Amino acid sequence: SNEAHADRPVQSAREKAIRQRLKDDLE
């Protein structure tokens, strides 16, 4: 989405885990 925000509230523990791996693992 062109209007997306990376800093919006985390919606669930699963989403938080997904975001954390994306933040920590460049590959």
mmCIF file of all heavy atoms, coordinates in Angstrom:
data_MODEL
# 
_entry.id   MODEL 
# 
loop_
_atom_site.group_PDB 
_atom_site.id 
_atom_site.type_symbol 
_atom_site.label_atom_id 
_atom_site.label_alt_id 
_atom_site.label_comp_id 
_atom_site.label_asym_id 
_atom_site.label_entity_id 
_atom_site.label_seq_id 
_atom_site.pdbx_PDB_ins_code 
_atom_site.Cartn_x 
_atom_site.Cartn_y 
_atom_site.Cartn_z 
_atom_site.occupancy 
_atom_site.B_iso_or_equiv 
_atom_site.pdbx_formal_charge 
_atom_site.auth_seq_id 
_atom_site.auth_comp_id 
_atom_site.auth_asym_id 
_atom_site.auth_atom_id 
_atom_site.pdbx_PDB_model_num 
ATOM 1   N N   . SER A 1 1  ? 0.854  -1.185  0.000  1.00 0.00 ? 1  SER A N   1 
ATOM 2   C CA  . SER A 1 1  ? 0.000  0.000   0.000  1.00 0.00 ? 1  SER A CA  1 
ATOM 3   C C   . SER A 1 1  ? 0.883  1.227   0.000  1.00 0.00 ? 1  SER A C   1 
ATOM 4   O O   . SER A 1 1  ? 1.874  1.295   0.712  1.00 0.00 ? 1  SER A O   1 
ATOM 5   C CB  . SER A 1 1  ? -0.908 0.027   1.233  1.00 0.00 ? 1  SER A CB  1 
ATOM 6   O OG  . SER A 1 1  ? -1.509 1.302   1.389  1.00 0.00 ? 1  SER A OG  1 
ATOM 7   N N   . ASN A 1 2  ? 0.516  2.242   -0.780 1.00 0.00 ? 2  ASN A N   1 
ATOM 8   C CA  . ASN A 1 2  ? 1.305  3.465   -0.832 1.00 0.00 ? 2  ASN A CA  1 
ATOM 9   C C   . ASN A 1 2  ? 1.135  4.310   0.419  1.00 0.00 ? 2  ASN A C   1 
ATOM 10  O O   . ASN A 1 2  ? 1.933  5.191   0.703  1.00 0.00 ? 2  ASN A O   1 
ATOM 11  C CB  . ASN A 1 2  ? 0.927  4.289   -2.063 1.00 0.00 ? 2  ASN A CB  1 
ATOM 12  C CG  . ASN A 1 2  ? 1.417  3.671   -3.348 1.00 0.00 ? 2  ASN A CG  1 
ATOM 13  O OD1 . ASN A 1 2  ? 2.409  2.957   -3.335 1.00 0.00 ? 2  ASN A OD1 1 
ATOM 14  N ND2 . ASN A 1 2  ? 0.729  3.920   -4.440 1.00 0.00 ? 2  ASN A ND2 1 
ATOM 15  N N   . GLU A 1 3  ? 0.080  4.089   1.194  1.00 0.00 ? 3  GLU A N   1 
ATOM 16  C CA  . GLU A 1 3  ? -0.172 4.887   2.386  1.00 0.00 ? 3  GLU A CA  1 
ATOM 17  C C   . GLU A 1 3  ? 0.146  4.145   3.666  1.00 0.00 ? 3  GLU A C   1 
ATOM 18  O O   . GLU A 1 3  ? -0.274 4.541   4.748  1.00 0.00 ? 3  GLU A O   1 
ATOM 19  C CB  . GLU A 1 3  ? -1.647 5.338   2.422  1.00 0.00 ? 3  GLU A CB  1 
ATOM 20  C CG  . GLU A 1 3  ? -1.991 6.424   1.413  1.00 0.00 ? 3  GLU A CG  1 
ATOM 21  C CD  . GLU A 1 3  ? -2.058 5.909   -0.010 1.00 0.00 ? 3  GLU A CD  1 
ATOM 22  O OE1 . GLU A 1 3  ? -2.590 4.811   -0.212 1.00 0.00 ? 3  GLU A OE1 1 
ATOM 23  O OE2 . GLU A 1 3  ? -1.564 6.593   -0.903 1.00 0.00 ? 3  GLU A OE2 1 
ATOM 24  N N   . ALA A 1 4  ? 0.864  3.038   3.573  1.00 0.00 ? 4  ALA A N   1 
ATOM 25  C CA  . ALA A 1 4  ? 1.104  2.211   4.754  1.00 0.00 ? 4  ALA A CA  1 
ATOM 26  C C   . ALA A 1 4  ? 2.053  2.883   5.730  1.00 0.00 ? 4  ALA A C   1 
ATOM 27  O O   . ALA A 1 4  ? 2.870  3.697   5.360  1.00 0.00 ? 4  ALA A O   1 
ATOM 28  C CB  . ALA A 1 4  ? 1.674  0.868   4.333  1.00 0.00 ? 4  ALA A CB  1 
ATOM 29  N N   . HIS A 1 5  ? 1.947  2.503   7.009  1.00 0.00 ? 5  HIS A N   1 
ATOM 30  C CA  . HIS A 1 5  ? 2.802  3.029   8.063  1.00 0.00 ? 5  HIS A CA  1 
ATOM 31  C C   . HIS A 1 5  ? 3.445  1.871   8.791  1.00 0.00 ? 5  HIS A C   1 
ATOM 32  O O   . HIS A 1 5  ? 2.744  1.026   9.346  1.00 0.00 ? 5  HIS A O   1 
ATOM 33  C CB  . HIS A 1 5  ? 1.991  3.868   9.060  1.00 0.00 ? 5  HIS A CB  1 
ATOM 34  C CG  . HIS A 1 5  ? 1.417  5.112   8.449  1.00 0.00 ? 5  HIS A CG  1 
ATOM 35  N ND1 . HIS A 1 5  ? 1.931  6.358   8.686  1.00 0.00 ? 5  HIS A ND1 1 
ATOM 36  C CD2 . HIS A 1 5  ? 0.394  5.294   7.584  1.00 0.00 ? 5  HIS A CD2 1 
ATOM 37  C CE1 . HIS A 1 5  ? 1.233  7.265   8.016  1.00 0.00 ? 5  HIS A CE1 1 
ATOM 38  N NE2 . HIS A 1 5  ? 0.302  6.638   7.346  1.00 0.00 ? 5  HIS A NE2 1 
ATOM 39  N N   . ALA A 1 6  ? 4.777  1.855   8.836  1.00 0.00 ? 6  ALA A N   1 
ATOM 40  C CA  . ALA A 1 6  ? 5.476  0.784   9.539  1.00 0.00 ? 6  ALA A CA  1 
ATOM 41  C C   . ALA A 1 6  ? 5.339  0.913   11.041 1.00 0.00 ? 6  ALA A C   1 
ATOM 42  O O   . ALA A 1 6  ? 5.507  -0.055  11.766 1.00 0.00 ? 6  ALA A O   1 
ATOM 43  C CB  . ALA A 1 6  ? 6.946  0.773   9.147  1.00 0.00 ? 6  ALA A CB  1 
ATOM 44  N N   . ASP A 1 7  ? 5.014  2.131   11.546 1.00 0.00 ? 7  ASP A N   1 
ATOM 45  C CA  . ASP A 1 7  ? 4.967  2.339   12.984 1.00 0.00 ? 7  ASP A CA  1 
ATOM 46  C C   . ASP A 1 7  ? 3.545  2.300   13.549 1.00 0.00 ? 7  ASP A C   1 
ATOM 47  O O   . ASP A 1 7  ? 3.288  2.804   14.629 1.00 0.00 ? 7  ASP A O   1 
ATOM 48  C CB  . ASP A 1 7  ? 5.643  3.662   13.345 1.00 0.00 ? 7  ASP A CB  1 
ATOM 49  C CG  . ASP A 1 7  ? 5.072  4.838   12.564 1.00 0.00 ? 7  ASP A CG  1 
ATOM 50  O OD1 . ASP A 1 7  ? 4.291  4.599   11.612 1.00 0.00 ? 7  ASP A OD1 1 
ATOM 51  O OD2 . ASP A 1 7  ? 5.403  5.977   12.922 1.00 0.00 ? 7  ASP A OD2 1 
ATOM 52  N N   . ARG A 1 8  ? 2.591  1.702   12.826 1.00 0.00 ? 8  ARG A N   1 
ATOM 53  C CA  . ARG A 1 8  ? 1.241  1.572   13.362 1.00 0.00 ? 8  ARG A CA  1 
ATOM 54  C C   . ARG A 1 8  ? 1.227  0.534   14.480 1.00 0.00 ? 8  ARG A C   1 
ATOM 55  O O   . ARG A 1 8  ? 2.127  -0.301  14.569 1.00 0.00 ? 8  ARG A O   1 
ATOM 56  C CB  . ARG A 1 8  ? 0.262  1.178   12.258 1.00 0.00 ? 8  ARG A CB  1 
ATOM 57  C CG  . ARG A 1 8  ? 0.555  -0.170  11.609 1.00 0.00 ? 8  ARG A CG  1 
ATOM 58  C CD  . ARG A 1 8  ? -0.379 -0.410  10.433 1.00 0.00 ? 8  ARG A CD  1 
ATOM 59  N NE  . ARG A 1 8  ? -0.062 -1.634  9.730  1.00 0.00 ? 8  ARG A NE  1 
ATOM 60  C CZ  . ARG A 1 8  ? -0.457 -2.831  10.106 1.00 0.00 ? 8  ARG A CZ  1 
ATOM 61  N NH1 . ARG A 1 8  ? -1.168 -2.979  11.213 1.00 0.00 ? 8  ARG A NH1 1 
ATOM 62  N NH2 . ARG A 1 8  ? -0.141 -3.894  9.405  1.00 0.00 ? 8  ARG A NH2 1 
ATOM 63  N N   . PRO A 1 9  ? 0.204  0.521   15.361 1.00 0.00 ? 9  PRO A N   1 
ATOM 64  C CA  . PRO A 1 9  ? 0.184  -0.414  16.486 1.00 0.00 ? 9  PRO A CA  1 
ATOM 65  C C   . PRO A 1 9  ? 0.216  -1.871  16.038 1.00 0.00 ? 9  PRO A C   1 
ATOM 66  O O   . PRO A 1 9  ? -0.378 -2.245  15.030 1.00 0.00 ? 9  PRO A O   1 
ATOM 67  C CB  . PRO A 1 9  ? -1.142 -0.085  17.184 1.00 0.00 ? 9  PRO A CB  1 
ATOM 68  C CG  . PRO A 1 9  ? -1.450 1.319   16.775 1.00 0.00 ? 9  PRO A CG  1 
ATOM 69  C CD  . PRO A 1 9  ? -0.925 1.450   15.374 1.00 0.00 ? 9  PRO A CD  1 
ATOM 70  N N   . VAL A 1 10 ? 0.931  -2.686  16.767 1.00 0.00 ? 10 VAL A N   1 
ATOM 71  C CA  . VAL A 1 10 ? 0.980  -4.115  16.480 1.00 0.00 ? 10 VAL A CA  1 
ATOM 72  C C   . VAL A 1 10 ? -0.374 -4.733  16.815 1.00 0.00 ? 10 VAL A C   1 
ATOM 73  O O   . VAL A 1 10 ? -0.929 -4.498  17.892 1.00 0.00 ? 10 VAL A O   1 
ATOM 74  C CB  . VAL A 1 10 ? 2.098  -4.792  17.303 1.00 0.00 ? 10 VAL A CB  1 
ATOM 75  C CG1 . VAL A 1 10 ? 2.070  -6.291  17.099 1.00 0.00 ? 10 VAL A CG1 1 
ATOM 76  C CG2 . VAL A 1 10 ? 3.450  -4.210  16.909 1.00 0.00 ? 10 VAL A CG2 1 
ATOM 77  N N   . GLN A 1 11 ? -0.905 -5.530  15.900 1.00 0.00 ? 11 GLN A N   1 
ATOM 78  C CA  . GLN A 1 11 ? -2.255 -6.058  16.064 1.00 0.00 ? 11 GLN A CA  1 
ATOM 79  C C   . GLN A 1 11 ? -2.310 -7.390  16.797 1.00 0.00 ? 11 GLN A C   1 
ATOM 80  O O   . GLN A 1 11 ? -3.336 -7.738  17.357 1.00 0.00 ? 11 GLN A O   1 
ATOM 81  C CB  . GLN A 1 11 ? -2.903 -6.223  14.677 1.00 0.00 ? 11 GLN A CB  1 
ATOM 82  C CG  . GLN A 1 11 ? -3.022 -4.910  13.909 1.00 0.00 ? 11 GLN A CG  1 
ATOM 83  C CD  . GLN A 1 11 ? -3.876 -3.910  14.649 1.00 0.00 ? 11 GLN A CD  1 
ATOM 84  O OE1 . GLN A 1 11 ? -4.990 -4.207  15.077 1.00 0.00 ? 11 GLN A OE1 1 
ATOM 85  N NE2 . GLN A 1 11 ? -3.345 -2.708  14.833 1.00 0.00 ? 11 GLN A NE2 1 
ATOM 86  N N   . SER A 1 12 ? -1.247 -8.139  16.780 1.00 0.00 ? 12 SER A N   1 
ATOM 87  C CA  . SER A 1 12 ? -1.281 -9.454  17.412 1.00 0.00 ? 12 SER A CA  1 
ATOM 88  C C   . SER A 1 12 ? 0.135  -9.907  17.723 1.00 0.00 ? 12 SER A C   1 
ATOM 89  O O   . SER A 1 12 ? 1.112  -9.354  17.189 1.00 0.00 ? 12 SER A O   1 
ATOM 90  C CB  . SER A 1 12 ? -1.942 -10.481 16.486 1.00 0.00 ? 12 SER A CB  1 
ATOM 91  O OG  . SER A 1 12 ? -1.126 -10.723 15.359 1.00 0.00 ? 12 SER A OG  1 
ATOM 92  N N   . ALA A 1 13 ? 0.243  -10.940 18.581 1.00 0.00 ? 13 ALA A N   1 
ATOM 93  C CA  . ALA A 1 13 ? 1.558  -11.497 18.898 1.00 0.00 ? 13 ALA A CA  1 
ATOM 94  C C   . ALA A 1 13 ? 2.191  -12.096 17.644 1.00 0.00 ? 13 ALA A C   1 
ATOM 95  O O   . ALA A 1 13 ? 3.407  -12.017 17.453 1.00 0.00 ? 13 ALA A O   1 
ATOM 96  C CB  . ALA A 1 13 ? 1.419  -12.556 19.982 1.00 0.00 ? 13 ALA A CB  1 
ATOM 97  N N   . ARG A 1 14 ? 1.360  -12.697 16.794 1.00 0.00 ? 14 ARG A N   1 
ATOM 98  C CA  . ARG A 1 14 ? 1.890  -13.297 15.566 1.00 0.00 ? 14 ARG A CA  1 
ATOM 99  C C   . ARG A 1 14 ? 2.448  -12.226 14.639 1.00 0.00 ? 14 ARG A C   1 
ATOM 100 O O   . ARG A 1 14 ? 3.521  -12.387 14.062 1.00 0.00 ? 14 ARG A O   1 
ATOM 101 C CB  . ARG A 1 14 ? 0.788  -14.080 14.864 1.00 0.00 ? 14 ARG A CB  1 
ATOM 102 C CG  . ARG A 1 14 ? 1.252  -14.790 13.586 1.00 0.00 ? 14 ARG A CG  1 
ATOM 103 C CD  . ARG A 1 14 ? 0.203  -15.798 13.126 1.00 0.00 ? 14 ARG A CD  1 
ATOM 104 N NE  . ARG A 1 14 ? 0.644  -16.466 11.915 1.00 0.00 ? 14 ARG A NE  1 
ATOM 105 C CZ  . ARG A 1 14 ? 0.225  -16.130 10.690 1.00 0.00 ? 14 ARG A CZ  1 
ATOM 106 N NH1 . ARG A 1 14 ? -0.629 -15.148 10.529 1.00 0.00 ? 14 ARG A NH1 1 
ATOM 107 N NH2 . ARG A 1 14 ? 0.667  -16.791 9.635  1.00 0.00 ? 14 ARG A NH2 1 
ATOM 108 N N   . GLU A 1 15 ? 1.712  -11.126 14.495 1.00 0.00 ? 15 GLU A N   1 
ATOM 109 C CA  . GLU A 1 15 ? 2.196  -10.037 13.667 1.00 0.00 ? 15 GLU A CA  1 
ATOM 110 C C   . GLU A 1 15 ? 3.482  -9.455  14.243 1.00 0.00 ? 15 GLU A C   1 
ATOM 111 O O   . GLU A 1 15 ? 4.419  -9.138  13.503 1.00 0.00 ? 15 GLU A O   1 
ATOM 112 C CB  . GLU A 1 15 ? 1.138  -8.933  13.571 1.00 0.00 ? 15 GLU A CB  1 
ATOM 113 C CG  . GLU A 1 15 ? 1.577  -7.771  12.698 1.00 0.00 ? 15 GLU A CG  1 
ATOM 114 C CD  . GLU A 1 15 ? 0.498  -6.719  12.578 1.00 0.00 ? 15 GLU A CD  1 
ATOM 115 O OE1 . GLU A 1 15 ? -0.561 -7.013  11.986 1.00 0.00 ? 15 GLU A OE1 1 
ATOM 116 O OE2 . GLU A 1 15 ? 0.720  -5.610  13.100 1.00 0.00 ? 15 GLU A OE2 1 
ATOM 117 N N   . LYS A 1 16 ? 3.557  -9.338  15.551 1.00 0.00 ? 16 LYS A N   1 
ATOM 118 C CA  . LYS A 1 16 ? 4.765  -8.823  16.192 1.00 0.00 ? 16 LYS A CA  1 
ATOM 119 C C   . LYS A 1 16 ? 5.959  -9.714  15.890 1.00 0.00 ? 16 LYS A C   1 
ATOM 120 O O   . LYS A 1 16 ? 7.063  -9.229  15.608 1.00 0.00 ? 16 LYS A O   1 
ATOM 121 C CB  . LYS A 1 16 ? 4.550  -8.721  17.701 1.00 0.00 ? 16 LYS A CB  1 
ATOM 122 C CG  . LYS A 1 16 ? 5.741  -8.145  18.452 1.00 0.00 ? 16 LYS A CG  1 
ATOM 123 C CD  . LYS A 1 16 ? 5.446  -8.021  19.946 1.00 0.00 ? 16 LYS A CD  1 
ATOM 124 C CE  . LYS A 1 16 ? 6.658  -7.454  20.684 1.00 0.00 ? 16 LYS A CE  1 
ATOM 125 N NZ  . LYS A 1 16 ? 6.397  -7.334  22.145 1.00 0.00 ? 16 LYS A NZ  1 
ATOM 126 N N   . ALA A 1 17 ? 5.749  -11.037 15.946 1.00 0.00 ? 17 ALA A N   1 
ATOM 127 C CA  . ALA A 1 17 ? 6.839  -11.971 15.661 1.00 0.00 ? 17 ALA A CA  1 
ATOM 128 C C   . ALA A 1 17 ? 7.290  -11.863 14.210 1.00 0.00 ? 17 ALA A C   1 
ATOM 129 O O   . ALA A 1 17 ? 8.492  -11.925 13.907 1.00 0.00 ? 17 ALA A O   1 
ATOM 130 C CB  . ALA A 1 17 ? 6.398  -13.398 15.971 1.00 0.00 ? 17 ALA A CB  1 
ATOM 131 N N   . ILE A 1 18 ? 6.328  -11.697 13.296 1.00 0.00 ? 18 ILE A N   1 
ATOM 132 C CA  . ILE A 1 18 ? 6.659  -11.553 11.881 1.00 0.00 ? 18 ILE A CA  1 
ATOM 133 C C   . ILE A 1 18 ? 7.484  -10.290 11.659 1.00 0.00 ? 18 ILE A C   1 
ATOM 134 O O   . ILE A 1 18 ? 8.524  -10.300 10.989 1.00 0.00 ? 18 ILE A O   1 
ATOM 135 C CB  . ILE A 1 18 ? 5.375  -11.515 11.030 1.00 0.00 ? 18 ILE A CB  1 
ATOM 136 C CG1 . ILE A 1 18 ? 4.695  -12.886 11.025 1.00 0.00 ? 18 ILE A CG1 1 
ATOM 137 C CG2 . ILE A 1 18 ? 5.692  -11.083 9.589  1.00 0.00 ? 18 ILE A CG2 1 
ATOM 138 C CD1 . ILE A 1 18 ? 3.329  -12.879 10.385 1.00 0.00 ? 18 ILE A CD1 1 
ATOM 139 N N   . ARG A 1 19 ? 7.018  -9.192  12.256 1.00 0.00 ? 19 ARG A N   1 
ATOM 140 C CA  . ARG A 1 19 ? 7.725  -7.929  12.102 1.00 0.00 ? 19 ARG A CA  1 
ATOM 141 C C   . ARG A 1 19 ? 9.130  -8.002  12.711 1.00 0.00 ? 19 ARG A C   1 
ATOM 142 O O   . ARG A 1 19 ? 10.086 -7.441  12.161 1.00 0.00 ? 19 ARG A O   1 
ATOM 143 C CB  . ARG A 1 19 ? 6.922  -6.801  12.748 1.00 0.00 ? 19 ARG A CB  1 
ATOM 144 C CG  . ARG A 1 19 ? 5.671  -6.447  11.984 1.00 0.00 ? 19 ARG A CG  1 
ATOM 145 C CD  . ARG A 1 19 ? 4.907  -5.346  12.650 1.00 0.00 ? 19 ARG A CD  1 
ATOM 146 N NE  . ARG A 1 19 ? 5.695  -4.123  12.757 1.00 0.00 ? 19 ARG A NE  1 
ATOM 147 C CZ  . ARG A 1 19 ? 5.167  -2.913  12.942 1.00 0.00 ? 19 ARG A CZ  1 
ATOM 148 N NH1 . ARG A 1 19 ? 3.861  -2.779  13.045 1.00 0.00 ? 19 ARG A NH1 1 
ATOM 149 N NH2 . ARG A 1 19 ? 5.945  -1.859  13.039 1.00 0.00 ? 19 ARG A NH2 1 
ATOM 150 N N   . GLN A 1 20 ? 9.260  -8.678  13.826 1.00 0.00 ? 20 GLN A N   1 
ATOM 151 C CA  . GLN A 1 20 ? 10.562 -8.761  14.480 1.00 0.00 ? 20 GLN A CA  1 
ATOM 152 C C   . GLN A 1 20 ? 11.559 -9.519  13.620 1.00 0.00 ? 20 GLN A C   1 
ATOM 153 O O   . GLN A 1 20 ? 12.723 -9.116  13.496 1.00 0.00 ? 20 GLN A O   1 
ATOM 154 C CB  . GLN A 1 20 ? 10.435 -9.432  15.851 1.00 0.00 ? 20 GLN A CB  1 
ATOM 155 C CG  . GLN A 1 20 ? 11.687 -9.317  16.710 1.00 0.00 ? 20 GLN A CG  1 
ATOM 156 C CD  . GLN A 1 20 ? 12.020 -7.881  17.070 1.00 0.00 ? 20 GLN A CD  1 
ATOM 157 O OE1 . GLN A 1 20 ? 11.139 -7.128  17.481 1.00 0.00 ? 20 GLN A OE1 1 
ATOM 158 N NE2 . GLN A 1 20 ? 13.282 -7.485  16.893 1.00 0.00 ? 20 GLN A NE2 1 
ATOM 159 N N   . ARG A 1 21 ? 11.124 -10.619 13.003 1.00 0.00 ? 21 ARG A N   1 
ATOM 160 C CA  . ARG A 1 21 ? 12.044 -11.359 12.139 1.00 0.00 ? 21 ARG A CA  1 
ATOM 161 C C   . ARG A 1 21 ? 12.433 -10.533 10.919 1.00 0.00 ? 21 ARG A C   1 
ATOM 162 O O   . ARG A 1 21 ? 13.602 -10.540 10.501 1.00 0.00 ? 21 ARG A O   1 
ATOM 163 C CB  . ARG A 1 21 ? 11.432 -12.687 11.699 1.00 0.00 ? 21 ARG A CB  1 
ATOM 164 C CG  . ARG A 1 21 ? 12.461 -13.515 10.906 1.00 0.00 ? 21 ARG A CG  1 
ATOM 165 C CD  . ARG A 1 21 ? 11.955 -14.846 10.452 1.00 0.00 ? 21 ARG A CD  1 
ATOM 166 N NE  . ARG A 1 21 ? 12.989 -15.522 9.684  1.00 0.00 ? 21 ARG A NE  1 
ATOM 167 C CZ  . ARG A 1 21 ? 12.796 -16.602 8.945  1.00 0.00 ? 21 ARG A CZ  1 
ATOM 168 N NH1 . ARG A 1 21 ? 11.589 -17.163 8.899  1.00 0.00 ? 21 ARG A NH1 1 
ATOM 169 N NH2 . ARG A 1 21 ? 13.798 -17.149 8.267  1.00 0.00 ? 21 ARG A NH2 1 
ATOM 170 N N   . LEU A 1 22 ? 11.474 -9.810  10.354 1.00 0.00 ? 22 LEU A N   1 
ATOM 171 C CA  . LEU A 1 22 ? 11.787 -8.957  9.214  1.00 0.00 ? 22 LEU A CA  1 
ATOM 172 C C   . LEU A 1 22 ? 12.774 -7.857  9.608  1.00 0.00 ? 22 LEU A C   1 
ATOM 173 O O   . LEU A 1 22 ? 13.623 -7.463  8.807  1.00 0.00 ? 22 LEU A O   1 
ATOM 174 C CB  . LEU A 1 22 ? 10.499 -8.337  8.654  1.00 0.00 ? 22 LEU A CB  1 
ATOM 175 C CG  . LEU A 1 22 ? 9.512  -9.308  8.002  1.00 0.00 ? 22 LEU A CG  1 
ATOM 176 C CD1 . LEU A 1 22 ? 8.204  -8.602  7.685  1.00 0.00 ? 22 LEU A CD1 1 
ATOM 177 C CD2 . LEU A 1 22 ? 10.098 -9.942  6.744  1.00 0.00 ? 22 LEU A CD2 1 
ATOM 178 N N   . LYS A 1 23 ? 12.667 -7.384  10.830 1.00 0.00 ? 23 LYS A N   1 
ATOM 179 C CA  . LYS A 1 23 ? 13.578 -6.350  11.319 1.00 0.00 ? 23 LYS A CA  1 
ATOM 180 C C   . LYS A 1 23 ? 14.973 -6.896  11.589 1.00 0.00 ? 23 LYS A C   1 
ATOM 181 O O   . LYS A 1 23 ? 15.976 -6.200  11.382 1.00 0.00 ? 23 LYS A O   1 
ATOM 182 C CB  . LYS A 1 23 ? 13.007 -5.736  12.600 1.00 0.00 ? 23 LYS A CB  1 
ATOM 183 C CG  . LYS A 1 23 ? 13.863 -4.636  13.193 1.00 0.00 ? 23 LYS A CG  1 
ATOM 184 C CD  . LYS A 1 23 ? 13.218 -4.079  14.458 1.00 0.00 ? 23 LYS A CD  1 
ATOM 185 C CE  . LYS A 1 23 ? 14.089 -2.974  15.072 1.00 0.00 ? 23 LYS A CE  1 
ATOM 186 N NZ  . LYS A 1 23 ? 13.473 -2.432  16.307 1.00 0.00 ? 23 LYS A NZ  1 
ATOM 187 N N   . ASP A 1 24 ? 15.067 -8.142  12.017 1.00 0.00 ? 24 ASP A N   1 
ATOM 188 C CA  . ASP A 1 24 ? 16.340 -8.716  12.450 1.00 0.00 ? 24 ASP A CA  1 
ATOM 189 C C   . ASP A 1 24 ? 17.099 -9.455  11.355 1.00 0.00 ? 24 ASP A C   1 
ATOM 190 O O   . ASP A 1 24 ? 18.311 -9.645  11.471 1.00 0.00 ? 24 ASP A O   1 
ATOM 191 C CB  . ASP A 1 24 ? 16.104 -9.693  13.613 1.00 0.00 ? 24 ASP A CB  1 
ATOM 192 C CG  . ASP A 1 24 ? 15.603 -8.992  14.859 1.00 0.00 ? 24 ASP A CG  1 
ATOM 193 O OD1 . ASP A 1 24 ? 15.759 -7.760  14.957 1.00 0.00 ? 24 ASP A OD1 1 
ATOM 194 O OD2 . ASP A 1 24 ? 15.031 -9.677  15.732 1.00 0.00 ? 24 ASP A OD2 1 
ATOM 195 N N   . ASP A 1 25 ? 16.418 -9.917  10.317 1.00 0.00 ? 25 ASP A N   1 
ATOM 196 C CA  . ASP A 1 25 ? 17.008 -10.831 9.336  1.00 0.00 ? 25 ASP A CA  1 
ATOM 197 C C   . ASP A 1 25 ? 16.899 -10.223 7.939  1.00 0.00 ? 25 ASP A C   1 
ATOM 198 O O   . ASP A 1 25 ? 15.857 -10.321 7.289  1.00 0.00 ? 25 ASP A O   1 
ATOM 199 C CB  . ASP A 1 25 ? 16.283 -12.180 9.407  1.00 0.00 ? 25 ASP A CB  1 
ATOM 200 C CG  . ASP A 1 25 ? 16.908 -13.244 8.520  1.00 0.00 ? 25 ASP A CG  1 
ATOM 201 O OD1 . ASP A 1 25 ? 17.666 -12.902 7.606  1.00 0.00 ? 25 ASP A OD1 1 
ATOM 202 O OD2 . ASP A 1 25 ? 16.608 -14.442 8.747  1.00 0.00 ? 25 ASP A OD2 1 
ATOM 203 N N   . LEU A 1 26 ? 17.967 -9.605  7.464  1.00 0.00 ? 26 LEU A N   1 
ATOM 204 C CA  . LEU A 1 26 ? 17.930 -8.933  6.164  1.00 0.00 ? 26 LEU A CA  1 
ATOM 205 C C   . LEU A 1 26 ? 17.649 -9.898  5.023  1.00 0.00 ? 26 LEU A C   1 
ATOM 206 O O   . LEU A 1 26 ? 16.874 -9.582  4.116  1.00 0.00 ? 26 LEU A O   1 
ATOM 207 C CB  . LEU A 1 26 ? 19.251 -8.198  5.915  1.00 0.00 ? 26 LEU A CB  1 
ATOM 208 C CG  . LEU A 1 26 ? 19.437 -7.603  4.506  1.00 0.00 ? 26 LEU A CG  1 
ATOM 209 C CD1 . LEU A 1 26 ? 18.306 -6.660  4.150  1.00 0.00 ? 26 LEU A CD1 1 
ATOM 210 C CD2 . LEU A 1 26 ? 20.783 -6.902  4.407  1.00 0.00 ? 26 LEU A CD2 1 
ATOM 211 N N   . GLU A 1 27 ? 18.282 -11.057 5.030  1.00 0.00 ? 27 GLU A N   1 
ATOM 212 C CA  . GLU A 1 27 ? 18.074 -11.988 3.913  1.00 0.00 ? 27 GLU A CA  1 
ATOM 213 C C   . GLU A 1 27 ? 16.613 -12.419 3.830  1.00 0.00 ? 27 GLU A C   1 
ATOM 214 O O   . GLU A 1 27 ? 16.035 -12.499 2.742  1.00 0.00 ? 27 GLU A O   1 
ATOM 215 C CB  . GLU A 1 27 ? 19.001 -13.197 4.051  1.00 0.00 ? 27 GLU A CB  1 
ATOM 216 C CG  . GLU A 1 27 ? 18.987 -14.096 2.831  1.00 0.00 ? 27 GLU A CG  1 
ATOM 217 C CD  . GLU A 1 27 ? 20.150 -15.060 2.765  1.00 0.00 ? 27 GLU A CD  1 
ATOM 218 O OE1 . GLU A 1 27 ? 21.013 -15.038 3.673  1.00 0.00 ? 27 GLU A OE1 1 
ATOM 219 O OE2 . GLU A 1 27 ? 20.216 -15.835 1.790  1.00 0.00 ? 27 GLU A OE2 1 
# 
